[in-house]
Amino acid sequence: MIRKRVSKAVEDYDQRTQTVAALQRAKDQGLPRHPGQDVEYVIVDDDRRSKEWVQLAHESLSEYDTEFYRTLALRAGESVLRPLGWDQTDYRRYLRGTTTLSLEGFQ
């Protein structure tokens, strides 16, 4: 789940971002977010550039973009492990052969 604090009204954003897509989706559902409030969402398809890019936290989630979250996890791992002398090659080699779990595994 990604949580972002809203800094302005959805209409005032110039760029098309994941957060703007979530704000538009919330507005369409009658749940507008205002500056200072948070919006929570999941990336379901990082290749889309519309409201279907994301799903809101309260929506029933049937899928998510595993590659997007994998990339986030690898970047986080790199920042944590680099001071220990591990680079991206080291921890990718360590993770090779591990099992990928589905959402159903956590219910």
PDB file of N, CA and C in Angstrom:
ATOM      1  N   MET A   1       0.846  -1.164   0.000  1.00  0.00           N
ATOM      2  CA  MET A   1       0.000   0.000   0.000  1.00  0.00           C
ATOM      3  C   MET A   1       0.901   1.239   0.000  1.00  0.00           C
ATOM      4  N   ILE A   2       0.569   2.167  -0.837  1.00  0.00           N
ATOM      5  CA  ILE A   2       1.298   3.424  -0.900  1.00  0.00           C
ATOM      6  C   ILE A   2       0.417   4.498  -0.280  1.00  0.00           C
ATOM      7  N   ARG A   3       0.985   5.302   0.568  1.00  0.00           N
ATOM      8  CA  ARG A   3       0.248   6.396   1.211  1.00  0.00           C
ATOM      9  C   ARG A   3       0.970   7.705   0.901  1.00  0.00           C
ATOM     10  N   LYS A   4       0.219   8.660   0.368  1.00  0.00           N
ATOM     11  CA  LYS A   4       0.784   9.972   0.047  1.00  0.00           C
ATOM     12  C   LYS A   4      -0.090  11.058   0.675  1.00  0.00           C
ATOM     13  N   ARG A   5       0.551  12.085   1.160  1.00  0.00           N
ATOM     14  CA  ARG A   5      -0.157  13.253   1.687  1.00  0.00           C
ATOM     15  C   ARG A   5      -0.453  14.191   0.524  1.00  0.00           C
ATOM     16  N   VAL A   6      -1.690  14.626   0.425  1.00  0.00           N
ATOM     17  CA  VAL A   6      -2.142  15.503  -0.657  1.00  0.00           C
ATOM     18  C   VAL A   6      -1.702  16.930  -0.356  1.00  0.00           C
ATOM     19  N   SER A   7      -1.100  17.596  -1.344  1.00  0.00           N
ATOM     20  CA  SER A   7      -0.637  18.967  -1.127  1.00  0.00           C
ATOM     21  C   SER A   7      -1.531  20.001  -1.801  1.00  0.00           C
ATOM     22  N   LYS A   8      -2.387  19.551  -2.729  1.00  0.00           N
ATOM     23  CA  LYS A   8      -3.300  20.481  -3.393  1.00  0.00           C
ATOM     24  C   LYS A   8      -4.486  19.714  -3.964  1.00  0.00           C
ATOM     25  N   ALA A   9      -5.466  20.436  -4.455  1.00  0.00           N
ATOM     26  CA  ALA A   9      -6.652  19.808  -5.047  1.00  0.00           C
ATOM     27  C   ALA A   9      -6.252  19.053  -6.311  1.00  0.00           C
ATOM     28  N   VAL A  10      -6.972  17.988  -6.615  1.00  0.00           N
ATOM     29  CA  VAL A  10      -6.648  17.152  -7.775  1.00  0.00           C
ATOM     30  C   VAL A  10      -6.584  17.976  -9.057  1.00  0.00           C
ATOM     31  N   GLU A  11      -7.434  18.968  -9.190  1.00  0.00           N
ATOM     32  CA  GLU A  11      -7.463  19.796 -10.404  1.00  0.00           C
ATOM     33  C   GLU A  11      -6.218  20.664 -10.557  1.00  0.00           C
ATOM     34  N   ASP A  12      -5.495  20.887  -9.475  1.00  0.00           N
ATOM     35  CA  ASP A  12      -4.326  21.767  -9.503  1.00  0.00           C
ATOM     36  C   ASP A  12      -3.022  21.060  -9.866  1.00  0.00           C
ATOM     37  N   TYR A  13      -3.058  19.748  -9.996  1.00  0.00           N
ATOM     38  CA  TYR A  13      -1.854  19.009 -10.390  1.00  0.00           C
ATOM     39  C   TYR A  13      -1.675  19.080 -11.899  1.00  0.00           C
ATOM     40  N   ASP A  14      -0.439  19.310 -12.347  1.00  0.00           N
ATOM     41  CA  ASP A  14      -0.130  19.393 -13.774  1.00  0.00           C
ATOM     42  C   ASP A  14       0.351  18.062 -14.338  1.00  0.00           C
ATOM     43  N   GLN A  15       1.036  17.289 -13.523  1.00  0.00           N
ATOM     44  CA  GLN A  15       1.620  16.023 -13.976  1.00  0.00           C
ATOM     45  C   GLN A  15       0.654  14.867 -13.743  1.00  0.00           C
ATOM     46  N   ARG A  16       0.738  13.851 -14.610  1.00  0.00           N
ATOM     47  CA  ARG A  16      -0.032  12.618 -14.428  1.00  0.00           C
ATOM     48  C   ARG A  16       0.848  11.664 -13.616  1.00  0.00           C
ATOM     49  N   THR A  17       0.504  11.485 -12.369  1.00  0.00           N
ATOM     50  CA  THR A  17       1.255  10.585 -11.499  1.00  0.00           C
ATOM     51  C   THR A  17       0.317   9.536 -10.914  1.00  0.00           C
ATOM     52  N   GLN A  18       0.897   8.580 -10.237  1.00  0.00           N
ATOM     53  CA  GLN A  18       0.101   7.566  -9.560  1.00  0.00           C
ATOM     54  C   GLN A  18      -0.817   8.215  -8.524  1.00  0.00           C
ATOM     55  N   THR A  19      -0.285   9.175  -7.804  1.00  0.00           N
ATOM     56  CA  THR A  19      -1.073   9.844  -6.772  1.00  0.00           C
ATOM     57  C   THR A  19      -2.230  10.615  -7.386  1.00  0.00           C
ATOM     58  N   VAL A  20      -2.005  11.285  -8.500  1.00  0.00           N
ATOM     59  CA  VAL A  20      -3.087  12.016  -9.176  1.00  0.00           C
ATOM     60  C   VAL A  20      -4.147  11.033  -9.653  1.00  0.00           C
ATOM     61  N   ALA A  21      -3.733   9.886 -10.167  1.00  0.00           N
ATOM     62  CA  ALA A  21      -4.696   8.865 -10.589  1.00  0.00           C
ATOM     63  C   ALA A  21      -5.539   8.414  -9.398  1.00  0.00           C
ATOM     64  N   ALA A  22      -4.905   8.235  -8.247  1.00  0.00           N
ATOM     65  CA  ALA A  22      -5.645   7.840  -7.039  1.00  0.00           C
ATOM     66  C   ALA A  22      -6.603   8.946  -6.605  1.00  0.00           C
ATOM     67  N   LEU A  23      -6.165  10.190  -6.686  1.00  0.00           N
ATOM     68  CA  LEU A  23      -7.034  11.314  -6.318  1.00  0.00           C
ATOM     69  C   LEU A  23      -8.233  11.404  -7.254  1.00  0.00           C
ATOM     70  N   GLN A  24      -8.020  11.193  -8.533  1.00  0.00           N
ATOM     71  CA  GLN A  24      -9.133  11.224  -9.491  1.00  0.00           C
ATOM     72  C   GLN A  24     -10.099  10.075  -9.229  1.00  0.00           C
ATOM     73  N   ARG A  25      -9.553   8.915  -8.925  1.00  0.00           N
ATOM     74  CA  ARG A  25     -10.390   7.749  -8.631  1.00  0.00           C
ATOM     75  C   ARG A  25     -11.227   8.013  -7.373  1.00  0.00           C
ATOM     76  N   ALA A  26     -10.607   8.574  -6.354  1.00  0.00           N
ATOM     77  CA  ALA A  26     -11.331   8.894  -5.117  1.00  0.00           C
ATOM     78  C   ALA A  26     -12.428   9.922  -5.373  1.00  0.00           C
ATOM     79  N   LYS A  27     -12.128  10.937  -6.143  1.00  0.00           N
ATOM     80  CA  LYS A  27     -13.121  11.970  -6.461  1.00  0.00           C
ATOM     81  C   LYS A  27     -14.307  11.362  -7.198  1.00  0.00           C
ATOM     82  N   ASP A  28     -14.035  10.477  -8.166  1.00  0.00           N
ATOM     83  CA  ASP A  28     -15.103   9.824  -8.925  1.00  0.00           C
ATOM     84  C   ASP A  28     -15.995   8.966  -8.028  1.00  0.00           C
ATOM     85  N   GLN A  29     -15.459   8.482  -6.926  1.00  0.00           N
ATOM     86  CA  GLN A  29     -16.221   7.655  -5.995  1.00  0.00           C
ATOM     87  C   GLN A  29     -16.877   8.479  -4.890  1.00  0.00           C
ATOM     88  N   GLY A  30     -16.802   9.808  -5.022  1.00  0.00           N
ATOM     89  CA  GLY A  30     -17.402  10.676  -4.013  1.00  0.00           C
ATOM     90  C   GLY A  30     -16.590  10.773  -2.733  1.00  0.00           C
ATOM     91  N   LEU A  31     -15.290  10.508  -2.838  1.00  0.00           N
ATOM     92  CA  LEU A  31     -14.387  10.540  -1.681  1.00  0.00           C
ATOM     93  C   LEU A  31     -13.219  11.487  -1.935  1.00  0.00           C
ATOM     94  N   PRO A  32     -13.497  12.740  -2.272  1.00  0.00           N
ATOM     95  CA  PRO A  32     -12.384  13.641  -2.603  1.00  0.00           C
ATOM     96  C   PRO A  32     -11.432  13.810  -1.423  1.00  0.00           C
ATOM     97  N   ARG A  33     -10.167  13.912  -1.741  1.00  0.00           N
ATOM     98  CA  ARG A  33      -9.129  14.158  -0.734  1.00  0.00           C
ATOM     99  C   ARG A  33      -8.705  15.608  -0.868  1.00  0.00           C
ATOM    100  N   HIS A  34      -8.484  16.253   0.252  1.00  0.00           N
ATOM    101  CA  HIS A  34      -8.138  17.673   0.288  1.00  0.00           C
ATOM    102  C   HIS A  34      -6.713  17.845   0.799  1.00  0.00           C
ATOM    103  N   PRO A  35      -6.097  18.997   0.516  1.00  0.00           N
ATOM    104  CA  PRO A  35      -4.734  19.226   1.004  1.00  0.00           C
ATOM    105  C   PRO A  35      -4.621  18.919   2.496  1.00  0.00           C
ATOM    106  N   GLY A  36      -3.569  18.170   2.816  1.00  0.00           N
ATOM    107  CA  GLY A  36      -3.331  17.757   4.195  1.00  0.00           C
ATOM    108  C   GLY A  36      -3.843  16.360   4.498  1.00  0.00           C
ATOM    109  N   GLN A  37      -4.724  15.836   3.662  1.00  0.00           N
ATOM    110  CA  GLN A  37      -5.233  14.481   3.857  1.00  0.00           C
ATOM    111  C   GLN A  37      -4.339  13.484   3.116  1.00  0.00           C
ATOM    112  N   ASP A  38      -4.461  12.223   3.488  1.00  0.00           N
ATOM    113  CA  ASP A  38      -3.715  11.160   2.823  1.00  0.00           C
ATOM    114  C   ASP A  38      -4.607  10.442   1.827  1.00  0.00           C
ATOM    115  N   VAL A  39      -3.984   9.875   0.811  1.00  0.00           N
ATOM    116  CA  VAL A  39      -4.652   8.968  -0.109  1.00  0.00           C
ATOM    117  C   VAL A  39      -3.817   7.692  -0.132  1.00  0.00           C
ATOM    118  N   GLU A  40      -4.499   6.537  -0.022  1.00  0.00           N
ATOM    119  CA  GLU A  40      -3.812   5.250  -0.014  1.00  0.00           C
ATOM    120  C   GLU A  40      -4.241   4.446  -1.231  1.00  0.00           C
ATOM    121  N   TYR A  41      -3.257   3.830  -1.876  1.00  0.00           N
ATOM    122  CA  TYR A  41      -3.554   3.103  -3.097  1.00  0.00           C
ATOM    123  C   TYR A  41      -2.519   2.017  -3.362  1.00  0.00           C
ATOM    124  N   VAL A  42      -2.884   1.125  -4.282  1.00  0.00           N
ATOM    125  CA  VAL A  42      -2.018   0.046  -4.746  1.00  0.00           C
ATOM    126  C   VAL A  42      -1.846   0.225  -6.248  1.00  0.00           C
ATOM    127  N   ILE A  43      -0.636   0.043  -6.741  1.00  0.00           N
ATOM    128  CA  ILE A  43      -0.379   0.096  -8.182  1.00  0.00           C
ATOM    129  C   ILE A  43      -0.821  -1.242  -8.769  1.00  0.00           C
ATOM    130  N   VAL A  44      -1.793  -1.199  -9.667  1.00  0.00           N
ATOM    131  CA  VAL A  44      -2.272  -2.443 -10.283  1.00  0.00           C
ATOM    132  C   VAL A  44      -1.671  -2.671 -11.662  1.00  0.00           C
ATOM    133  N   ASP A  45      -1.276  -1.597 -12.339  1.00  0.00           N
ATOM    134  CA  ASP A  45      -0.641  -1.741 -13.652  1.00  0.00           C
ATOM    135  C   ASP A  45       0.151  -0.472 -13.937  1.00  0.00           C
ATOM    136  N   ASP A  46       1.462  -0.539 -13.746  1.00  0.00           N
ATOM    137  CA  ASP A  46       2.302   0.652 -13.888  1.00  0.00           C
ATOM    138  C   ASP A  46       2.427   1.127 -15.327  1.00  0.00           C
ATOM    139  N   ASP A  47       1.954   0.327 -16.285  1.00  0.00           N
ATOM    140  CA  ASP A  47       1.990   0.740 -17.689  1.00  0.00           C
ATOM    141  C   ASP A  47       0.797   1.621 -18.070  1.00  0.00           C
ATOM    142  N   ARG A  48      -0.241   1.599 -17.287  1.00  0.00           N
ATOM    143  CA  ARG A  48      -1.421   2.423 -17.578  1.00  0.00           C
ATOM    144  C   ARG A  48      -1.177   3.842 -17.094  1.00  0.00           C
ATOM    145  N   ARG A  49      -1.812   4.782 -17.718  1.00  0.00           N
ATOM    146  CA  ARG A  49      -1.696   6.182 -17.300  1.00  0.00           C
ATOM    147  C   ARG A  49      -3.102   6.783 -17.197  1.00  0.00           C
ATOM    148  N   SER A  50      -3.950   6.085 -16.453  1.00  0.00           N
ATOM    149  CA  SER A  50      -5.328   6.523 -16.249  1.00  0.00           C
ATOM    150  C   SER A  50      -5.720   6.142 -14.830  1.00  0.00           C
ATOM    151  N   LYS A  51      -6.981   6.317 -14.497  1.00  0.00           N
ATOM    152  CA  LYS A  51      -7.453   5.952 -13.164  1.00  0.00           C
ATOM    153  C   LYS A  51      -7.274   4.461 -12.893  1.00  0.00           C
ATOM    154  N   GLU A  52      -7.162   3.650 -13.942  1.00  0.00           N
ATOM    155  CA  GLU A  52      -6.972   2.214 -13.774  1.00  0.00           C
ATOM    156  C   GLU A  52      -5.526   1.859 -13.407  1.00  0.00           C
ATOM    157  N   TRP A  53      -4.676   2.862 -13.347  1.00  0.00           N
ATOM    158  CA  TRP A  53      -3.280   2.704 -12.929  1.00  0.00           C
ATOM    159  C   TRP A  53      -3.231   2.165 -11.493  1.00  0.00           C
ATOM    160  N   VAL A  54      -4.210   2.578 -10.672  1.00  0.00           N
ATOM    161  CA  VAL A  54      -4.205   2.281  -9.238  1.00  0.00           C
ATOM    162  C   VAL A  54      -5.570   1.774  -8.792  1.00  0.00           C
ATOM    163  N   GLN A  55      -5.602   1.209  -7.608  1.00  0.00           N
ATOM    164  CA  GLN A  55      -6.840   0.939  -6.893  1.00  0.00           C
ATOM    165  C   GLN A  55      -6.679   1.525  -5.502  1.00  0.00           C
ATOM    166  N   LEU A  56      -7.773   2.034  -4.971  1.00  0.00           N
ATOM    167  CA  LEU A  56      -7.740   2.639  -3.645  1.00  0.00           C
ATOM    168  C   LEU A  56      -7.742   1.561  -2.567  1.00  0.00           C
ATOM    169  N   ALA A  57      -7.306   1.947  -1.379  1.00  0.00           N
ATOM    170  CA  ALA A  57      -7.155   0.994  -0.279  1.00  0.00           C
ATOM    171  C   ALA A  57      -8.445   0.256   0.046  1.00  0.00           C
ATOM    172  N   HIS A  58      -9.579   0.914  -0.070  1.00  0.00           N
ATOM    173  CA  HIS A  58     -10.850   0.287   0.315  1.00  0.00           C
ATOM    174  C   HIS A  58     -11.437  -0.603  -0.781  1.00  0.00           C
ATOM    175  N   GLU A  59     -10.878  -0.545  -1.986  1.00  0.00           N
ATOM    176  CA  GLU A  59     -11.402  -1.348  -3.090  1.00  0.00           C
ATOM    177  C   GLU A  59     -10.929  -2.796  -2.981  1.00  0.00           C
ATOM    178  N   SER A  60     -11.741  -3.701  -3.467  1.00  0.00           N
ATOM    179  CA  SER A  60     -11.387  -5.116  -3.475  1.00  0.00           C
ATOM    180  C   SER A  60     -10.252  -5.331  -4.481  1.00  0.00           C
ATOM    181  N   LEU A  61      -9.146  -5.813  -4.005  1.00  0.00           N
ATOM    182  CA  LEU A  61      -7.950  -5.971  -4.830  1.00  0.00           C
ATOM    183  C   LEU A  61      -7.857  -7.392  -5.356  1.00  0.00           C
ATOM    184  N   SER A  62      -7.820  -7.525  -6.680  1.00  0.00           N
ATOM    185  CA  SER A  62      -7.689  -8.847  -7.274  1.00  0.00           C
ATOM    186  C   SER A  62      -6.321  -9.041  -7.921  1.00  0.00           C
ATOM    187  N   GLU A  63      -5.614  -7.942  -8.177  1.00  0.00           N
ATOM    188  CA  GLU A  63      -4.300  -8.023  -8.794  1.00  0.00           C
ATOM    189  C   GLU A  63      -3.490  -6.793  -8.403  1.00  0.00           C
ATOM    190  N   TYR A  64      -2.191  -6.884  -8.609  1.00  0.00           N
ATOM    191  CA  TYR A  64      -1.308  -5.745  -8.422  1.00  0.00           C
ATOM    192  C   TYR A  64      -0.103  -5.946  -9.322  1.00  0.00           C
ATOM    193  N   ASP A  65       0.645  -4.877  -9.553  1.00  0.00           N
ATOM    194  CA  ASP A  65       1.783  -4.930 -10.455  1.00  0.00           C
ATOM    195  C   ASP A  65       3.000  -5.465  -9.698  1.00  0.00           C
ATOM    196  N   THR A  66       3.225  -6.769  -9.817  1.00  0.00           N
ATOM    197  CA  THR A  66       4.311  -7.397  -9.073  1.00  0.00           C
ATOM    198  C   THR A  66       5.676  -6.843  -9.458  1.00  0.00           C
ATOM    199  N   GLU A  67       5.867  -6.521 -10.727  1.00  0.00           N
ATOM    200  CA  GLU A  67       7.166  -5.990 -11.156  1.00  0.00           C
ATOM    201  C   GLU A  67       7.440  -4.622 -10.532  1.00  0.00           C
ATOM    202  N   PHE A  68       6.408  -3.774 -10.433  1.00  0.00           N
ATOM    203  CA  PHE A  68       6.566  -2.462  -9.804  1.00  0.00           C
ATOM    204  C   PHE A  68       7.017  -2.624  -8.354  1.00  0.00           C
ATOM    205  N   TYR A  69       6.334  -3.492  -7.590  1.00  0.00           N
ATOM    206  CA  TYR A  69       6.673  -3.680  -6.176  1.00  0.00           C
ATOM    207  C   TYR A  69       7.996  -4.430  -6.010  1.00  0.00           C
ATOM    208  N   ARG A  70       8.318  -5.297  -6.934  1.00  0.00           N
ATOM    209  CA  ARG A  70       9.618  -5.975  -6.905  1.00  0.00           C
ATOM    210  C   ARG A  70      10.741  -4.951  -7.034  1.00  0.00           C
ATOM    211  N   THR A  71      10.581  -4.031  -7.974  1.00  0.00           N
ATOM    212  CA  THR A  71      11.581  -2.984  -8.166  1.00  0.00           C
ATOM    213  C   THR A  71      11.731  -2.126  -6.910  1.00  0.00           C
ATOM    214  N   LEU A  72      10.600  -1.759  -6.282  1.00  0.00           N
ATOM    215  CA  LEU A  72      10.664  -0.986  -5.035  1.00  0.00           C
ATOM    216  C   LEU A  72      11.409  -1.756  -3.947  1.00  0.00           C
ATOM    217  N   ALA A  73      11.102  -3.039  -3.816  1.00  0.00           N
ATOM    218  CA  ALA A  73      11.746  -3.861  -2.796  1.00  0.00           C
ATOM    219  C   ALA A  73      13.245  -3.993  -3.051  1.00  0.00           C
ATOM    220  N   LEU A  74      13.626  -4.169  -4.319  1.00  0.00           N
ATOM    221  CA  LEU A  74      15.047  -4.282  -4.642  1.00  0.00           C
ATOM    222  C   LEU A  74      15.792  -2.987  -4.352  1.00  0.00           C
ATOM    223  N   ARG A  75      15.167  -1.841  -4.659  1.00  0.00           N
ATOM    224  CA  ARG A  75      15.805  -0.551  -4.349  1.00  0.00           C
ATOM    225  C   ARG A  75      15.956  -0.380  -2.841  1.00  0.00           C
ATOM    226  N   ALA A  76      14.933  -0.772  -2.083  1.00  0.00           N
ATOM    227  CA  ALA A  76      15.021  -0.676  -0.621  1.00  0.00           C
ATOM    228  C   ALA A  76      16.113  -1.599  -0.098  1.00  0.00           C
ATOM    229  N   GLY A  77      16.151  -2.815  -0.626  1.00  0.00           N
ATOM    230  CA  GLY A  77      17.189  -3.755  -0.207  1.00  0.00           C
ATOM    231  C   GLY A  77      18.581  -3.243  -0.487  1.00  0.00           C
ATOM    232  N   GLU A  78      18.739  -2.630  -1.649  1.00  0.00           N
ATOM    233  CA  GLU A  78      20.051  -2.080  -2.000  1.00  0.00           C
ATOM    234  C   GLU A  78      20.476  -0.998  -1.016  1.00  0.00           C
ATOM    235  N   SER A  79      19.563  -0.118  -0.653  1.00  0.00           N
ATOM    236  CA  SER A  79      19.929   0.969   0.259  1.00  0.00           C
ATOM    237  C   SER A  79      20.258   0.455   1.658  1.00  0.00           C
ATOM    238  N   VAL A  80      19.631  -0.636   2.074  1.00  0.00           N
ATOM    239  CA  VAL A  80      19.896  -1.200   3.399  1.00  0.00           C
ATOM    240  C   VAL A  80      21.183  -2.018   3.402  1.00  0.00           C
ATOM    241  N   LEU A  81      21.422  -2.761   2.338  1.00  0.00           N
ATOM    242  CA  LEU A  81      22.554  -3.693   2.319  1.00  0.00           C
ATOM    243  C   LEU A  81      23.863  -3.096   1.815  1.00  0.00           C
ATOM    244  N   ARG A  82      23.802  -1.974   1.123  1.00  0.00           N
ATOM    245  CA  ARG A  82      25.026  -1.372   0.595  1.00  0.00           C
ATOM    246  C   ARG A  82      26.058  -1.077   1.695  1.00  0.00           C
ATOM    247  N   PRO A  83      25.651  -0.526   2.861  1.00  0.00           N
ATOM    248  CA  PRO A  83      26.660  -0.286   3.907  1.00  0.00           C
ATOM    249  C   PRO A  83      27.325  -1.566   4.419  1.00  0.00           C
ATOM    250  N   LEU A  84      26.704  -2.706   4.176  1.00  0.00           N
ATOM    251  CA  LEU A  84      27.278  -3.990   4.598  1.00  0.00           C
ATOM    252  C   LEU A  84      28.156  -4.613   3.524  1.00  0.00           C
ATOM    253  N   GLY A  85      28.311  -3.873   2.407  1.00  0.00           N
ATOM    254  CA  GLY A  85      29.174  -4.344   1.341  1.00  0.00           C
ATOM    255  C   GLY A  85      28.460  -5.163   0.274  1.00  0.00           C
ATOM    256  N   TRP A  86      27.162  -5.313   0.384  1.00  0.00           N
ATOM    257  CA  TRP A  86      26.401  -6.034  -0.634  1.00  0.00           C
ATOM    258  C   TRP A  86      25.944  -5.062  -1.690  1.00  0.00           C
ATOM    259  N   ASP A  87      26.062  -5.481  -2.949  1.00  0.00           N
ATOM    260  CA  ASP A  87      25.503  -4.656  -4.012  1.00  0.00           C
ATOM    261  C   ASP A  87      24.321  -5.413  -4.636  1.00  0.00           C
ATOM    262  N   GLN A  88      23.745  -4.825  -5.650  1.00  0.00           N
ATOM    263  CA  GLN A  88      22.559  -5.394  -6.278  1.00  0.00           C
ATOM    264  C   GLN A  88      22.814  -6.819  -6.789  1.00  0.00           C
ATOM    265  N   THR A  89      23.987  -7.054  -7.320  1.00  0.00           N
ATOM    266  CA  THR A  89      24.327  -8.387  -7.835  1.00  0.00           C
ATOM    267  C   THR A  89      24.339  -9.406  -6.706  1.00  0.00           C
ATOM    268  N   ASP A  90      24.893  -9.026  -5.553  1.00  0.00           N
ATOM    269  CA  ASP A  90      24.974  -9.946  -4.415  1.00  0.00           C
ATOM    270  C   ASP A  90      23.600 -10.366  -3.924  1.00  0.00           C
ATOM    271  N   TYR A  91      22.705  -9.415  -3.680  1.00  0.00           N
ATOM    272  CA  TYR A  91      21.429  -9.824  -3.115  1.00  0.00           C
ATOM    273  C   TYR A  91      20.490 -10.409  -4.156  1.00  0.00           C
ATOM    274  N   ARG A  92      20.651 -10.071  -5.429  1.00  0.00           N
ATOM    275  CA  ARG A  92      19.860 -10.756  -6.465  1.00  0.00           C
ATOM    276  C   ARG A  92      20.282 -12.227  -6.544  1.00  0.00           C
ATOM    277  N   ARG A  93      21.576 -12.476  -6.422  1.00  0.00           N
ATOM    278  CA  ARG A  93      22.078 -13.854  -6.443  1.00  0.00           C
ATOM    279  C   ARG A  93      21.538 -14.609  -5.213  1.00  0.00           C
ATOM    280  N   TYR A  94      21.519 -13.952  -4.074  1.00  0.00           N
ATOM    281  CA  TYR A  94      21.006 -14.559  -2.848  1.00  0.00           C
ATOM    282  C   TYR A  94      19.517 -14.898  -2.980  1.00  0.00           C
ATOM    283  N   LEU A  95      18.755 -14.020  -3.629  1.00  0.00           N
ATOM    284  CA  LEU A  95      17.313 -14.221  -3.765  1.00  0.00           C
ATOM    285  C   LEU A  95      16.934 -15.193  -4.868  1.00  0.00           C
ATOM    286  N   ARG A  96      17.835 -15.485  -5.778  1.00  0.00           N
ATOM    287  CA  ARG A  96      17.543 -16.394  -6.883  1.00  0.00           C
ATOM    288  C   ARG A  96      17.070 -17.735  -6.336  1.00  0.00           C
ATOM    289  N   GLY A  97      16.000 -18.227  -6.894  1.00  0.00           N
ATOM    290  CA  GLY A  97      15.475 -19.518  -6.459  1.00  0.00           C
ATOM    291  C   GLY A  97      14.449 -19.427  -5.349  1.00  0.00           C
ATOM    292  N   THR A  98      14.174 -18.224  -4.846  1.00  0.00           N
ATOM    293  CA  THR A  98      13.139 -18.098  -3.823  1.00  0.00           C
ATOM    294  C   THR A  98      11.772 -18.145  -4.478  1.00  0.00           C
ATOM    295  N   THR A  99      10.767 -18.405  -3.706  1.00  0.00           N
ATOM    296  CA  THR A  99       9.406 -18.555  -4.202  1.00  0.00           C
ATOM    297  C   THR A  99       8.669 -17.228  -4.150  1.00  0.00           C
ATOM    298  N   THR A 100       7.936 -16.924  -5.211  1.00  0.00           N
ATOM    299  CA  THR A 100       7.086 -15.743  -5.250  1.00  0.00           C
ATOM    300  C   THR A 100       5.719 -16.129  -4.713  1.00  0.00           C
ATOM    301  N   LEU A 101       5.223 -15.383  -3.730  1.00  0.00           N
ATOM    302  CA  LEU A 101       3.927 -15.666  -3.133  1.00  0.00           C
ATOM    303  C   LEU A 101       2.847 -14.825  -3.782  1.00  0.00           C
ATOM    304  N   SER A 102       1.630 -15.318  -3.788  1.00  0.00           N
ATOM    305  CA  SER A 102       0.490 -14.567  -4.305  1.00  0.00           C
ATOM    306  C   SER A 102      -0.230 -13.890  -3.142  1.00  0.00           C
ATOM    307  N   LEU A 103      -1.139 -12.989  -3.458  1.00  0.00           N
ATOM    308  CA  LEU A 103      -1.927 -12.329  -2.416  1.00  0.00           C
ATOM    309  C   LEU A 103      -2.714 -13.343  -1.599  1.00  0.00           C
ATOM    310  N   GLU A 104      -3.180 -14.420  -2.228  1.00  0.00           N
ATOM    311  CA  GLU A 104      -3.977 -15.416  -1.538  1.00  0.00           C
ATOM    312  C   GLU A 104      -3.197 -16.059  -0.386  1.00  0.00           C
ATOM    313  N   GLY A 105      -1.891 -16.067  -0.483  1.00  0.00           N
ATOM    314  CA  GLY A 105      -1.066 -16.645   0.565  1.00  0.00           C
ATOM    315  C   GLY A 105      -1.075 -15.862   1.863  1.00  0.00           C
ATOM    316  N   PHE A 106      -1.580 -14.629   1.837  1.00  0.00           N
ATOM    317  CA  PHE A 106      -1.583 -13.769   3.018  1.00  0.00           C
ATOM    318  C   PHE A 106      -2.975 -13.570   3.593  1.00  0.00           C
ATOM    319  N   GLN A 107      -3.970 -14.277   3.084  1.00  0.00           N
ATOM    320  CA  GLN A 107      -5.347 -14.088   3.572  1.00  0.00           C
ATOM    321  C   GLN A 107      -5.664 -15.034   4.684  1.00  0.00           C
TER     322      GLN A 107
END
